[in-house]
Amino acid sequence: MGLLDVMIRAGVRVPQDLSVVGYDDSRFAKLPGIDLTSVRRGHPRHADFAIKAVVERLDLPEREPKRIALPPQLVVRGTTDRPAAGR
């Protein structure tokens, strides 16, 4: 969001001149006036997976630990656009 502020003050038009993408999709990213495109790391079922893994380890301590990869999600908002033709 700091980059957005600096670019706007410098006269750079976001997203017409520059697309900006944040990472972590904080609650501020969705505020009007910011509307930051962001990568969301969390997953709605993150806690469900963690609790299930803990219970499995308690029930079966001899079992090898599992690795669960939850893919990030791109949340497109107002700070990104397609590149202009011819640039």
N, C-alpha and C. Protein backbone atom coordinates (compact mmCIF):
# COMPACT_ATOMS: atom_id res chain seq x y z
N MET A 1 0.83 -1.18 0.00
CA MET A 1 0.00 0.00 0.00
C MET A 1 0.88 1.24 0.00
N GLY A 2 2.07 1.13 0.58
CA GLY A 2 3.00 2.24 0.55
C GLY A 2 3.43 2.56 -0.87
N LEU A 3 3.65 1.52 -1.67
CA LEU A 3 4.01 1.72 -3.07
C LEU A 3 2.89 2.43 -3.82
N LEU A 4 1.66 2.03 -3.58
CA LEU A 4 0.51 2.70 -4.20
C LEU A 4 0.53 4.19 -3.88
N ASP A 5 0.73 4.52 -2.63
CA ASP A 5 0.75 5.91 -2.20
C ASP A 5 1.84 6.70 -2.91
N VAL A 6 3.04 6.13 -2.96
CA VAL A 6 4.17 6.81 -3.60
C VAL A 6 3.90 7.01 -5.09
N MET A 7 3.39 5.99 -5.76
CA MET A 7 3.13 6.09 -7.19
C MET A 7 2.06 7.15 -7.50
N ILE A 8 1.02 7.17 -6.73
CA ILE A 8 -0.06 8.15 -6.95
C ILE A 8 0.48 9.56 -6.73
N ARG A 9 1.27 9.75 -5.69
CA ARG A 9 1.86 11.08 -5.43
C ARG A 9 2.82 11.51 -6.53
N ALA A 10 3.44 10.52 -7.19
CA ALA A 10 4.39 10.82 -8.27
C ALA A 10 3.69 11.01 -9.61
N GLY A 11 2.37 10.84 -9.61
CA GLY A 11 1.62 11.02 -10.85
C GLY A 11 1.53 9.78 -11.72
N VAL A 12 1.95 8.64 -11.18
CA VAL A 12 1.84 7.38 -11.92
C VAL A 12 0.42 6.86 -11.76
N ARG A 13 -0.23 6.57 -12.86
CA ARG A 13 -1.61 6.08 -12.81
C ARG A 13 -1.61 4.57 -12.62
N VAL A 14 -2.28 4.15 -11.57
CA VAL A 14 -2.42 2.72 -11.26
C VAL A 14 -3.86 2.34 -11.55
N PRO A 15 -4.16 1.41 -12.42
CA PRO A 15 -3.29 0.46 -13.09
C PRO A 15 -2.92 0.84 -14.53
N GLN A 16 -3.29 2.00 -15.02
CA GLN A 16 -3.04 2.34 -16.42
C GLN A 16 -1.56 2.35 -16.76
N ASP A 17 -0.72 2.91 -15.89
CA ASP A 17 0.72 2.98 -16.15
C ASP A 17 1.50 1.86 -15.45
N LEU A 18 0.98 1.38 -14.35
CA LEU A 18 1.68 0.40 -13.54
C LEU A 18 0.66 -0.47 -12.80
N SER A 19 0.83 -1.78 -12.91
CA SER A 19 0.00 -2.70 -12.12
C SER A 19 0.72 -2.99 -10.81
N VAL A 20 -0.03 -3.09 -9.73
CA VAL A 20 0.55 -3.36 -8.41
C VAL A 20 -0.19 -4.55 -7.80
N VAL A 21 0.59 -5.50 -7.29
CA VAL A 21 0.02 -6.69 -6.65
C VAL A 21 0.64 -6.84 -5.27
N GLY A 22 -0.20 -7.03 -4.28
CA GLY A 22 0.27 -7.26 -2.92
C GLY A 22 0.32 -8.75 -2.62
N TYR A 23 0.83 -9.08 -1.44
CA TYR A 23 0.90 -10.47 -1.03
C TYR A 23 0.41 -10.59 0.40
N ASP A 24 -0.60 -11.35 0.59
CA ASP A 24 -1.22 -11.77 1.86
C ASP A 24 -2.66 -11.34 1.97
N ASP A 25 -3.14 -10.51 1.06
CA ASP A 25 -4.54 -10.11 1.00
C ASP A 25 -5.06 -9.66 2.36
N SER A 26 -4.37 -8.69 2.95
CA SER A 26 -4.80 -8.17 4.24
C SER A 26 -6.17 -7.52 4.12
N ARG A 27 -6.79 -7.27 5.23
CA ARG A 27 -8.14 -6.68 5.21
C ARG A 27 -8.12 -5.28 4.61
N PHE A 28 -6.97 -4.63 4.62
CA PHE A 28 -6.87 -3.29 4.05
C PHE A 28 -6.89 -3.31 2.53
N ALA A 29 -6.50 -4.43 1.93
CA ALA A 29 -6.44 -4.53 0.47
C ALA A 29 -7.81 -4.30 -0.17
N LYS A 30 -8.88 -4.66 0.52
CA LYS A 30 -10.22 -4.53 -0.06
C LYS A 30 -10.89 -3.19 0.20
N LEU A 31 -10.23 -2.32 0.94
CA LEU A 31 -10.84 -1.03 1.25
C LEU A 31 -11.02 -0.18 0.00
N PRO A 32 -12.13 0.56 -0.08
CA PRO A 32 -12.31 1.48 -1.21
C PRO A 32 -11.15 2.47 -1.23
N GLY A 33 -10.70 2.80 -2.42
CA GLY A 33 -9.57 3.71 -2.55
C GLY A 33 -8.24 2.99 -2.59
N ILE A 34 -8.21 1.78 -2.08
CA ILE A 34 -6.99 0.96 -2.16
C ILE A 34 -7.22 -0.12 -3.21
N ASP A 35 -8.23 -0.97 -2.99
CA ASP A 35 -8.67 -1.96 -3.97
C ASP A 35 -7.50 -2.73 -4.58
N LEU A 36 -6.60 -3.22 -3.72
CA LEU A 36 -5.34 -3.83 -4.12
C LEU A 36 -5.51 -5.28 -4.57
N THR A 37 -5.09 -5.57 -5.79
CA THR A 37 -4.99 -6.96 -6.24
C THR A 37 -3.96 -7.63 -5.34
N SER A 38 -4.25 -8.86 -4.91
CA SER A 38 -3.36 -9.47 -3.92
C SER A 38 -3.37 -10.98 -4.04
N VAL A 39 -2.29 -11.59 -3.56
CA VAL A 39 -2.21 -13.04 -3.47
C VAL A 39 -2.66 -13.43 -2.07
N ARG A 40 -3.66 -14.27 -2.02
CA ARG A 40 -4.19 -14.74 -0.72
C ARG A 40 -3.52 -16.06 -0.38
N ARG A 41 -2.83 -16.09 0.74
CA ARG A 41 -2.14 -17.31 1.16
C ARG A 41 -3.04 -18.25 1.92
N GLY A 42 -3.94 -17.71 2.68
CA GLY A 42 -4.79 -18.53 3.52
C GLY A 42 -5.77 -19.36 2.71
N HIS A 43 -6.31 -20.32 3.32
CA HIS A 43 -7.30 -21.18 2.70
C HIS A 43 -8.46 -21.29 3.68
N PRO A 44 -9.68 -21.23 3.20
CA PRO A 44 -10.82 -21.29 4.13
C PRO A 44 -10.80 -22.50 5.06
N ARG A 45 -10.18 -23.59 4.62
CA ARG A 45 -10.18 -24.80 5.44
C ARG A 45 -8.82 -25.05 6.10
N HIS A 46 -7.98 -24.03 6.16
CA HIS A 46 -6.65 -24.15 6.75
C HIS A 46 -6.71 -24.76 8.15
N ALA A 47 -7.55 -24.23 8.99
CA ALA A 47 -7.66 -24.73 10.38
C ALA A 47 -8.16 -26.18 10.40
N ASP A 48 -9.09 -26.52 9.50
CA ASP A 48 -9.60 -27.90 9.44
C ASP A 48 -8.46 -28.88 9.16
N PHE A 49 -7.60 -28.54 8.19
CA PHE A 49 -6.48 -29.41 7.85
C PHE A 49 -5.52 -29.55 9.03
N ALA A 50 -5.24 -28.44 9.70
CA ALA A 50 -4.31 -28.47 10.83
C ALA A 50 -4.84 -29.32 11.98
N ILE A 51 -6.11 -29.16 12.31
CA ILE A 51 -6.70 -29.94 13.42
C ILE A 51 -6.71 -31.42 13.08
N LYS A 52 -7.07 -31.75 11.84
CA LYS A 52 -7.09 -33.15 11.42
C LYS A 52 -5.69 -33.76 11.52
N ALA A 53 -4.67 -33.02 11.12
CA ALA A 53 -3.30 -33.52 11.18
C ALA A 53 -2.86 -33.75 12.63
N VAL A 54 -3.21 -32.85 13.54
CA VAL A 54 -2.86 -33.01 14.96
C VAL A 54 -3.55 -34.24 15.55
N VAL A 55 -4.82 -34.39 15.26
CA VAL A 55 -5.58 -35.54 15.79
C VAL A 55 -4.98 -36.85 15.26
N GLU A 56 -4.65 -36.89 13.96
CA GLU A 56 -4.04 -38.10 13.39
C GLU A 56 -2.72 -38.43 14.06
N ARG A 57 -1.89 -37.41 14.34
CA ARG A 57 -0.60 -37.65 14.99
C ARG A 57 -0.78 -38.14 16.42
N LEU A 58 -1.81 -37.64 17.11
CA LEU A 58 -2.07 -38.10 18.48
C LEU A 58 -2.59 -39.53 18.47
N ASP A 59 -3.46 -39.85 17.53
CA ASP A 59 -4.02 -41.20 17.44
C ASP A 59 -3.00 -42.22 16.92
N LEU A 60 -2.16 -41.79 16.01
CA LEU A 60 -1.19 -42.70 15.38
C LEU A 60 0.21 -42.06 15.40
N PRO A 61 0.86 -42.00 16.56
CA PRO A 61 2.16 -41.32 16.66
C PRO A 61 3.25 -41.96 15.81
N GLU A 62 3.09 -43.23 15.44
CA GLU A 62 4.12 -43.91 14.64
C GLU A 62 4.02 -43.55 13.15
N ARG A 63 2.90 -42.97 12.76
CA ARG A 63 2.70 -42.59 11.36
C ARG A 63 3.60 -41.41 11.00
N GLU A 64 4.13 -41.45 9.79
CA GLU A 64 4.96 -40.35 9.30
C GLU A 64 4.13 -39.08 9.17
N PRO A 65 4.72 -37.93 9.50
CA PRO A 65 3.99 -36.67 9.33
C PRO A 65 3.64 -36.44 7.86
N LYS A 66 2.53 -35.77 7.64
CA LYS A 66 2.07 -35.45 6.29
C LYS A 66 2.42 -34.01 5.97
N ARG A 67 2.65 -33.76 4.71
CA ARG A 67 2.81 -32.39 4.22
C ARG A 67 1.59 -32.07 3.37
N ILE A 68 0.98 -30.96 3.67
CA ILE A 68 -0.19 -30.52 2.90
C ILE A 68 0.14 -29.15 2.33
N ALA A 69 0.07 -29.04 1.02
CA ALA A 69 0.32 -27.77 0.35
C ALA A 69 -1.00 -27.18 -0.10
N LEU A 70 -1.29 -25.99 0.37
CA LEU A 70 -2.51 -25.30 -0.02
C LEU A 70 -2.14 -24.20 -1.01
N PRO A 71 -2.65 -24.27 -2.22
CA PRO A 71 -2.24 -23.30 -3.22
C PRO A 71 -2.75 -21.90 -2.91
N PRO A 72 -1.93 -20.88 -3.23
CA PRO A 72 -2.39 -19.51 -3.04
C PRO A 72 -3.44 -19.15 -4.08
N GLN A 73 -4.14 -18.08 -3.85
CA GLN A 73 -5.20 -17.64 -4.77
C GLN A 73 -4.95 -16.17 -5.12
N LEU A 74 -5.04 -15.86 -6.41
CA LEU A 74 -4.92 -14.47 -6.85
C LEU A 74 -6.29 -13.82 -6.77
N VAL A 75 -6.38 -12.72 -6.02
CA VAL A 75 -7.62 -11.96 -5.89
C VAL A 75 -7.45 -10.67 -6.68
N VAL A 76 -8.08 -10.62 -7.86
CA VAL A 76 -7.91 -9.49 -8.75
C VAL A 76 -8.86 -8.37 -8.35
N ARG A 77 -8.27 -7.19 -8.14
CA ARG A 77 -9.05 -6.00 -7.81
C ARG A 77 -8.63 -4.87 -8.75
N GLY A 78 -8.68 -3.67 -8.29
CA GLY A 78 -8.52 -2.53 -9.18
C GLY A 78 -7.11 -2.04 -9.47
N THR A 79 -6.07 -2.68 -8.93
CA THR A 79 -4.72 -2.16 -9.14
C THR A 79 -3.96 -2.89 -10.24
N THR A 80 -4.64 -3.75 -10.97
CA THR A 80 -4.00 -4.44 -12.09
C THR A 80 -4.87 -4.34 -13.33
N ASP A 81 -4.19 -4.37 -14.47
CA ASP A 81 -4.88 -4.32 -15.76
C ASP A 81 -3.98 -5.01 -16.77
N ARG A 82 -4.52 -5.29 -17.93
CA ARG A 82 -3.71 -5.86 -19.01
C ARG A 82 -2.73 -4.81 -19.50
N PRO A 83 -1.55 -5.25 -19.96
CA PRO A 83 -0.60 -4.27 -20.52
C PRO A 83 -1.19 -3.58 -21.73
N ALA A 84 -0.87 -2.32 -21.90
CA ALA A 84 -1.33 -1.58 -23.06
C ALA A 84 -0.66 -2.13 -24.31
N ALA A 85 -1.38 -2.14 -25.43
CA ALA A 85 -0.83 -2.64 -26.68
C ALA A 85 0.34 -1.76 -27.13
N GLY A 86 1.37 -2.40 -27.66
CA GLY A 86 2.50 -1.66 -28.20
C GLY A 86 3.54 -1.21 -27.19
N ARG A 87 3.44 -1.65 -25.96
CA ARG A 87 4.46 -1.26 -24.97
C ARG A 87 5.42 -2.37 -24.75
